[in-house]
Amino acid sequence: MKAEYDLSKMKLRKNPYAEKLKKAVTMRLSEDVIDYFKKISDETGVPYQRLINLYLRDCVSQHRKIDISWQAEPKC
């Protein structure tokens, strides 16, 4: 293998898949939710944001849907 390579003539180009890998979003999460994932992060050594992503990805792959049933307020 060569000790030194000349990369000055190399053409630079963006990775066409980079934007499809992850997308930055801003979310407001409850403190207890963050604490929960940070605790798991400390136990496993996996960053808490990655754990949240893995959990949400599992929900997507299992086609889980949340059941939110709002109760009607009683009429006076």
PDB file of N, CA and C in Angstrom:
ATOM      1  N   MET A   1       0.838  -1.183   0.000  1.00  0.00           N
ATOM      2  CA  MET A   1       0.000   0.000   0.000  1.00  0.00           C
ATOM      3  C   MET A   1       0.878   1.241   0.000  1.00  0.00           C
ATOM      4  N   LYS A   2       0.467   2.238  -0.711  1.00  0.00           N
ATOM      5  CA  LYS A   2       1.217   3.484  -0.785  1.00  0.00           C
ATOM      6  C   LYS A   2       1.242   4.182   0.572  1.00  0.00           C
ATOM      7  N   ALA A   3       2.360   4.793   0.887  1.00  0.00           N
ATOM      8  CA  ALA A   3       2.470   5.516   2.153  1.00  0.00           C
ATOM      9  C   ALA A   3       1.667   6.809   2.113  1.00  0.00           C
ATOM     10  N   GLU A   4       1.529   7.389   0.896  1.00  0.00           N
ATOM     11  CA  GLU A   4       0.819   8.656   0.787  1.00  0.00           C
ATOM     12  C   GLU A   4       0.015   8.685  -0.509  1.00  0.00           C
ATOM     13  N   TYR A   5      -1.191   9.178  -0.430  1.00  0.00           N
ATOM     14  CA  TYR A   5      -2.054   9.274  -1.611  1.00  0.00           C
ATOM     15  C   TYR A   5      -2.328  10.735  -1.916  1.00  0.00           C
ATOM     16  N   ASP A   6      -2.455  11.054  -3.203  1.00  0.00           N
ATOM     17  CA  ASP A   6      -2.776  12.414  -3.622  1.00  0.00           C
ATOM     18  C   ASP A   6      -4.277  12.484  -3.898  1.00  0.00           C
ATOM     19  N   LEU A   7      -5.008  13.098  -2.981  1.00  0.00           N
ATOM     20  CA  LEU A   7      -6.459  13.203  -3.108  1.00  0.00           C
ATOM     21  C   LEU A   7      -6.903  14.560  -3.649  1.00  0.00           C
ATOM     22  N   SER A   8      -5.963  15.387  -4.045  1.00  0.00           N
ATOM     23  CA  SER A   8      -6.295  16.734  -4.489  1.00  0.00           C
ATOM     24  C   SER A   8      -7.101  16.745  -5.793  1.00  0.00           C
ATOM     25  N   LYS A   9      -6.997  15.724  -6.602  1.00  0.00           N
ATOM     26  CA  LYS A   9      -7.721  15.676  -7.878  1.00  0.00           C
ATOM     27  C   LYS A   9      -9.041  14.924  -7.768  1.00  0.00           C
ATOM     28  N   MET A  10      -9.326  14.455  -6.595  1.00  0.00           N
ATOM     29  CA  MET A  10     -10.549  13.679  -6.367  1.00  0.00           C
ATOM     30  C   MET A  10     -11.768  14.601  -6.364  1.00  0.00           C
ATOM     31  N   LYS A  11     -12.821  14.200  -7.054  1.00  0.00           N
ATOM     32  CA  LYS A  11     -14.059  14.984  -7.078  1.00  0.00           C
ATOM     33  C   LYS A  11     -14.878  14.677  -5.829  1.00  0.00           C
ATOM     34  N   LEU A  12     -15.372  15.724  -5.202  1.00  0.00           N
ATOM     35  CA  LEU A  12     -16.208  15.553  -4.025  1.00  0.00           C
ATOM     36  C   LEU A  12     -17.669  15.500  -4.448  1.00  0.00           C
ATOM     37  N   ARG A  13     -18.421  14.651  -3.808  1.00  0.00           N
ATOM     38  CA  ARG A  13     -19.862  14.612  -4.055  1.00  0.00           C
ATOM     39  C   ARG A  13     -20.568  14.191  -2.775  1.00  0.00           C
ATOM     40  N   LYS A  14     -21.771  14.663  -2.645  1.00  0.00           N
ATOM     41  CA  LYS A  14     -22.572  14.353  -1.474  1.00  0.00           C
ATOM     42  C   LYS A  14     -23.024  12.900  -1.510  1.00  0.00           C
ATOM     43  N   ASN A  15     -23.180  12.340  -0.338  1.00  0.00           N
ATOM     44  CA  ASN A  15     -23.736  11.002  -0.222  1.00  0.00           C
ATOM     45  C   ASN A  15     -25.222  11.095  -0.563  1.00  0.00           C
ATOM     46  N   PRO A  16     -25.691  10.411  -1.614  1.00  0.00           N
ATOM     47  CA  PRO A  16     -27.105  10.527  -2.003  1.00  0.00           C
ATOM     48  C   PRO A  16     -28.067   9.907  -0.993  1.00  0.00           C
ATOM     49  N   TYR A  17     -27.559   9.100  -0.086  1.00  0.00           N
ATOM     50  CA  TYR A  17     -28.418   8.434   0.896  1.00  0.00           C
ATOM     51  C   TYR A  17     -28.398   9.115   2.256  1.00  0.00           C
ATOM     52  N   ALA A  18     -27.551  10.111   2.440  1.00  0.00           N
ATOM     53  CA  ALA A  18     -27.373  10.737   3.744  1.00  0.00           C
ATOM     54  C   ALA A  18     -28.671  11.327   4.298  1.00  0.00           C
ATOM     55  N   GLU A  19     -29.457  11.984   3.458  1.00  0.00           N
ATOM     56  CA  GLU A  19     -30.687  12.606   3.948  1.00  0.00           C
ATOM     57  C   GLU A  19     -31.756  11.578   4.285  1.00  0.00           C
ATOM     58  N   LYS A  20     -31.670  10.395   3.716  1.00  0.00           N
ATOM     59  CA  LYS A  20     -32.678   9.373   3.971  1.00  0.00           C
ATOM     60  C   LYS A  20     -32.404   8.597   5.251  1.00  0.00           C
ATOM     61  N   LEU A  21     -31.187   8.693   5.763  1.00  0.00           N
ATOM     62  CA  LEU A  21     -30.831   7.917   6.935  1.00  0.00           C
ATOM     63  C   LEU A  21     -31.521   8.435   8.197  1.00  0.00           C
ATOM     64  N   LYS A  22     -31.337   9.681   8.516  1.00  0.00           N
ATOM     65  CA  LYS A  22     -31.937  10.280   9.706  1.00  0.00           C
ATOM     66  C   LYS A  22     -32.351  11.702   9.391  1.00  0.00           C
ATOM     67  N   LYS A  23     -33.353  12.171  10.077  1.00  0.00           N
ATOM     68  CA  LYS A  23     -33.802  13.546   9.900  1.00  0.00           C
ATOM     69  C   LYS A  23     -33.900  14.180  11.282  1.00  0.00           C
ATOM     70  N   ALA A  24     -33.316  15.329  11.436  1.00  0.00           N
ATOM     71  CA  ALA A  24     -33.358  16.034  12.710  1.00  0.00           C
ATOM     72  C   ALA A  24     -34.739  16.644  12.906  1.00  0.00           C
ATOM     73  N   VAL A  25     -35.316  16.418  14.078  1.00  0.00           N
ATOM     74  CA  VAL A  25     -36.602  17.004  14.431  1.00  0.00           C
ATOM     75  C   VAL A  25     -36.509  17.552  15.854  1.00  0.00           C
ATOM     76  N   THR A  26     -37.383  18.462  16.155  1.00  0.00           N
ATOM     77  CA  THR A  26     -37.468  18.993  17.512  1.00  0.00           C
ATOM     78  C   THR A  26     -38.766  18.480  18.124  1.00  0.00           C
ATOM     79  N   MET A  27     -38.641  17.849  19.280  1.00  0.00           N
ATOM     80  CA  MET A  27     -39.816  17.311  19.966  1.00  0.00           C
ATOM     81  C   MET A  27     -39.815  17.784  21.409  1.00  0.00           C
ATOM     82  N   ARG A  28     -40.986  18.003  21.934  1.00  0.00           N
ATOM     83  CA  ARG A  28     -41.108  18.333  23.344  1.00  0.00           C
ATOM     84  C   ARG A  28     -41.569  17.074  24.051  1.00  0.00           C
ATOM     85  N   LEU A  29     -40.701  16.527  24.901  1.00  0.00           N
ATOM     86  CA  LEU A  29     -41.000  15.304  25.632  1.00  0.00           C
ATOM     87  C   LEU A  29     -41.064  15.609  27.121  1.00  0.00           C
ATOM     88  N   SER A  30     -41.896  14.877  27.818  1.00  0.00           N
ATOM     89  CA  SER A  30     -42.006  15.042  29.263  1.00  0.00           C
ATOM     90  C   SER A  30     -40.695  14.630  29.924  1.00  0.00           C
ATOM     91  N   GLU A  31     -40.398  15.275  31.054  1.00  0.00           N
ATOM     92  CA  GLU A  31     -39.164  14.980  31.763  1.00  0.00           C
ATOM     93  C   GLU A  31     -39.093  13.524  32.194  1.00  0.00           C
ATOM     94  N   ASP A  32     -40.236  12.966  32.623  1.00  0.00           N
ATOM     95  CA  ASP A  32     -40.223  11.577  33.073  1.00  0.00           C
ATOM     96  C   ASP A  32     -39.927  10.609  31.924  1.00  0.00           C
ATOM     97  N   VAL A  33     -40.349  10.956  30.718  1.00  0.00           N
ATOM     98  CA  VAL A  33     -40.064  10.127  29.548  1.00  0.00           C
ATOM     99  C   VAL A  33     -38.569  10.155  29.254  1.00  0.00           C
ATOM    100  N   ILE A  34     -37.992  11.331  29.276  1.00  0.00           N
ATOM    101  CA  ILE A  34     -36.559  11.464  29.024  1.00  0.00           C
ATOM    102  C   ILE A  34     -35.760  10.733  30.101  1.00  0.00           C
ATOM    103  N   ASP A  35     -36.158  10.905  31.354  1.00  0.00           N
ATOM    104  CA  ASP A  35     -35.474  10.224  32.461  1.00  0.00           C
ATOM    105  C   ASP A  35     -35.537   8.708  32.305  1.00  0.00           C
ATOM    106  N   TYR A  36     -36.689   8.208  31.876  1.00  0.00           N
ATOM    107  CA  TYR A  36     -36.860   6.764  31.662  1.00  0.00           C
ATOM    108  C   TYR A  36     -35.854   6.238  30.642  1.00  0.00           C
ATOM    109  N   PHE A  37     -35.770   6.913  29.490  1.00  0.00           N
ATOM    110  CA  PHE A  37     -34.856   6.456  28.444  1.00  0.00           C
ATOM    111  C   PHE A  37     -33.397   6.693  28.826  1.00  0.00           C
ATOM    112  N   LYS A  38     -33.117   7.741  29.598  1.00  0.00           N
ATOM    113  CA  LYS A  38     -31.742   7.966  30.054  1.00  0.00           C
ATOM    114  C   LYS A  38     -31.314   6.875  31.037  1.00  0.00           C
ATOM    115  N   LYS A  39     -32.238   6.415  31.872  1.00  0.00           N
ATOM    116  CA  LYS A  39     -31.930   5.321  32.814  1.00  0.00           C
ATOM    117  C   LYS A  39     -31.597   4.050  32.036  1.00  0.00           C
ATOM    118  N   ILE A  40     -32.409   3.740  31.035  1.00  0.00           N
ATOM    119  CA  ILE A  40     -32.134   2.566  30.201  1.00  0.00           C
ATOM    120  C   ILE A  40     -30.810   2.757  29.469  1.00  0.00           C
ATOM    121  N   SER A  41     -30.532   3.982  29.051  1.00  0.00           N
ATOM    122  CA  SER A  41     -29.285   4.292  28.360  1.00  0.00           C
ATOM    123  C   SER A  41     -28.083   3.998  29.254  1.00  0.00           C
ATOM    124  N   ASP A  42     -28.176   4.396  30.526  1.00  0.00           N
ATOM    125  CA  ASP A  42     -27.092   4.132  31.470  1.00  0.00           C
ATOM    126  C   ASP A  42     -26.887   2.633  31.677  1.00  0.00           C
ATOM    127  N   GLU A  43     -27.981   1.875  31.690  1.00  0.00           N
ATOM    128  CA  GLU A  43     -27.901   0.429  31.904  1.00  0.00           C
ATOM    129  C   GLU A  43     -27.334  -0.309  30.697  1.00  0.00           C
ATOM    130  N   THR A  44     -27.665   0.163  29.504  1.00  0.00           N
ATOM    131  CA  THR A  44     -27.295  -0.560  28.288  1.00  0.00           C
ATOM    132  C   THR A  44     -26.078   0.013  27.573  1.00  0.00           C
ATOM    133  N   GLY A  45     -25.781   1.297  27.820  1.00  0.00           N
ATOM    134  CA  GLY A  45     -24.683   1.939  27.109  1.00  0.00           C
ATOM    135  C   GLY A  45     -25.083   2.449  25.736  1.00  0.00           C
ATOM    136  N   VAL A  46     -26.373   2.368  25.418  1.00  0.00           N
ATOM    137  CA  VAL A  46     -26.890   2.860  24.142  1.00  0.00           C
ATOM    138  C   VAL A  46     -27.407   4.283  24.376  1.00  0.00           C
ATOM    139  N   PRO A  47     -27.030   5.256  23.546  1.00  0.00           N
ATOM    140  CA  PRO A  47     -27.507   6.634  23.746  1.00  0.00           C
ATOM    141  C   PRO A  47     -29.042   6.703  23.789  1.00  0.00           C
ATOM    142  N   TYR A  48     -29.558   7.550  24.668  1.00  0.00           N
ATOM    143  CA  TYR A  48     -31.006   7.584  24.887  1.00  0.00           C
ATOM    144  C   TYR A  48     -31.779   7.995  23.640  1.00  0.00           C
ATOM    145  N   GLN A  49     -31.214   8.875  22.819  1.00  0.00           N
ATOM    146  CA  GLN A  49     -31.933   9.268  21.604  1.00  0.00           C
ATOM    147  C   GLN A  49     -32.042   8.088  20.643  1.00  0.00           C
ATOM    148  N   ARG A  50     -31.017   7.258  20.595  1.00  0.00           N
ATOM    149  CA  ARG A  50     -31.066   6.066  19.753  1.00  0.00           C
ATOM    150  C   ARG A  50     -32.107   5.085  20.290  1.00  0.00           C
ATOM    151  N   LEU A  51     -32.214   4.976  21.624  1.00  0.00           N
ATOM    152  CA  LEU A  51     -33.228   4.093  22.216  1.00  0.00           C
ATOM    153  C   LEU A  51     -34.640   4.553  21.855  1.00  0.00           C
ATOM    154  N   ILE A  52     -34.857   5.854  21.919  1.00  0.00           N
ATOM    155  CA  ILE A  52     -36.175   6.381  21.548  1.00  0.00           C
ATOM    156  C   ILE A  52     -36.459   6.074  20.091  1.00  0.00           C
ATOM    157  N   ASN A  53     -35.461   6.251  19.227  1.00  0.00           N
ATOM    158  CA  ASN A  53     -35.627   5.952  17.804  1.00  0.00           C
ATOM    159  C   ASN A  53     -35.919   4.467  17.591  1.00  0.00           C
ATOM    160  N   LEU A  54     -35.198   3.599  18.300  1.00  0.00           N
ATOM    161  CA  LEU A  54     -35.427   2.151  18.169  1.00  0.00           C
ATOM    162  C   LEU A  54     -36.838   1.774  18.608  1.00  0.00           C
ATOM    163  N   TYR A  55     -37.300   2.390  19.704  1.00  0.00           N
ATOM    164  CA  TYR A  55     -38.654   2.103  20.185  1.00  0.00           C
ATOM    165  C   TYR A  55     -39.699   2.547  19.164  1.00  0.00           C
ATOM    166  N   LEU A  56     -39.531   3.743  18.633  1.00  0.00           N
ATOM    167  CA  LEU A  56     -40.492   4.240  17.638  1.00  0.00           C
ATOM    168  C   LEU A  56     -40.435   3.415  16.353  1.00  0.00           C
ATOM    169  N   ARG A  57     -39.244   3.005  15.958  1.00  0.00           N
ATOM    170  CA  ARG A  57     -39.103   2.153  14.772  1.00  0.00           C
ATOM    171  C   ARG A  57     -39.817   0.816  14.979  1.00  0.00           C
ATOM    172  N   ASP A  58     -39.731   0.270  16.202  1.00  0.00           N
ATOM    173  CA  ASP A  58     -40.432  -0.973  16.515  1.00  0.00           C
ATOM    174  C   ASP A  58     -41.937  -0.779  16.401  1.00  0.00           C
ATOM    175  N   CYS A  59     -42.428   0.369  16.869  1.00  0.00           N
ATOM    176  CA  CYS A  59     -43.863   0.670  16.742  1.00  0.00           C
ATOM    177  C   CYS A  59     -44.271   0.701  15.277  1.00  0.00           C
ATOM    178  N   VAL A  60     -43.426   1.288  14.436  1.00  0.00           N
ATOM    179  CA  VAL A  60     -43.721   1.363  13.000  1.00  0.00           C
ATOM    180  C   VAL A  60     -43.727  -0.030  12.390  1.00  0.00           C
ATOM    181  N   SER A  61     -42.706  -0.835  12.692  1.00  0.00           N
ATOM    182  CA  SER A  61     -42.603  -2.158  12.069  1.00  0.00           C
ATOM    183  C   SER A  61     -43.719  -3.096  12.522  1.00  0.00           C
ATOM    184  N   GLN A  62     -44.220  -2.896  13.746  1.00  0.00           N
ATOM    185  CA  GLN A  62     -45.310  -3.729  14.264  1.00  0.00           C
ATOM    186  C   GLN A  62     -46.691  -3.139  13.973  1.00  0.00           C
ATOM    187  N   HIS A  63     -46.711  -2.000  13.290  1.00  0.00           N
ATOM    188  CA  HIS A  63     -47.967  -1.301  12.954  1.00  0.00           C
ATOM    189  C   HIS A  63     -48.812  -1.042  14.205  1.00  0.00           C
ATOM    190  N   ARG A  64     -48.140  -0.626  15.268  1.00  0.00           N
ATOM    191  CA  ARG A  64     -48.861  -0.328  16.512  1.00  0.00           C
ATOM    192  C   ARG A  64     -49.565   1.007  16.379  1.00  0.00           C
ATOM    193  N   LYS A  65     -50.770   1.044  16.893  1.00  0.00           N
ATOM    194  CA  LYS A  65     -51.536   2.287  16.879  1.00  0.00           C
ATOM    195  C   LYS A  65     -51.952   2.595  18.311  1.00  0.00           C
ATOM    196  N   ILE A  66     -51.906   3.847  18.644  1.00  0.00           N
ATOM    197  CA  ILE A  66     -52.280   4.258  19.989  1.00  0.00           C
ATOM    198  C   ILE A  66     -53.802   4.381  20.064  1.00  0.00           C
ATOM    199  N   ASP A  67     -54.366   3.974  21.182  1.00  0.00           N
ATOM    200  CA  ASP A  67     -55.807   4.074  21.386  1.00  0.00           C
ATOM    201  C   ASP A  67     -56.059   5.200  22.379  1.00  0.00           C
ATOM    202  N   ILE A  68     -56.456   6.333  21.860  1.00  0.00           N
ATOM    203  CA  ILE A  68     -56.766   7.481  22.713  1.00  0.00           C
ATOM    204  C   ILE A  68     -58.269   7.671  22.695  1.00  0.00           C
ATOM    205  N   SER A  69     -58.865   7.402  23.819  1.00  0.00           N
ATOM    206  CA  SER A  69     -60.319   7.561  23.940  1.00  0.00           C
ATOM    207  C   SER A  69     -60.581   8.686  24.932  1.00  0.00           C
ATOM    208  N   TRP A  70     -61.034   9.796  24.423  1.00  0.00           N
ATOM    209  CA  TRP A  70     -61.337  10.932  25.283  1.00  0.00           C
ATOM    210  C   TRP A  70     -62.762  10.778  25.789  1.00  0.00           C
ATOM    211  N   GLN A  71     -62.891  10.907  27.081  1.00  0.00           N
ATOM    212  CA  GLN A  71     -64.222  10.830  27.682  1.00  0.00           C
ATOM    213  C   GLN A  71     -64.900  12.185  27.555  1.00  0.00           C
ATOM    214  N   ALA A  72     -66.154  12.153  27.211  1.00  0.00           N
ATOM    215  CA  ALA A  72     -66.914  13.396  27.123  1.00  0.00           C
ATOM    216  C   ALA A  72     -67.102  13.975  28.525  1.00  0.00           C
ATOM    217  N   GLU A  73     -67.037  15.286  28.617  1.00  0.00           N
ATOM    218  CA  GLU A  73     -67.241  15.941  29.893  1.00  0.00           C
ATOM    219  C   GLU A  73     -68.714  15.810  30.275  1.00  0.00           C
ATOM    220  N   PRO A  74     -68.968  15.528  31.540  1.00  0.00           N
ATOM    221  CA  PRO A  74     -70.379  15.417  31.965  1.00  0.00           C
ATOM    222  C   PRO A  74     -71.090  16.762  31.861  1.00  0.00           C
ATOM    223  N   LYS A  75     -72.306  16.733  31.387  1.00  0.00           N
ATOM    224  CA  LYS A  75     -73.105  17.957  31.285  1.00  0.00           C
ATOM    225  C   LYS A  75     -73.748  18.256  32.620  1.00  0.00           C
ATOM    226  N   CYS A  76     -73.785  19.514  32.983  1.00  0.00           N
ATOM    227  CA  CYS A  76     -74.387  19.922  34.271  1.00  0.00           C
ATOM    228  C   CYS A  76     -75.861  20.100  34.158  1.00  0.00           C
TER     229      CYS A  76
END
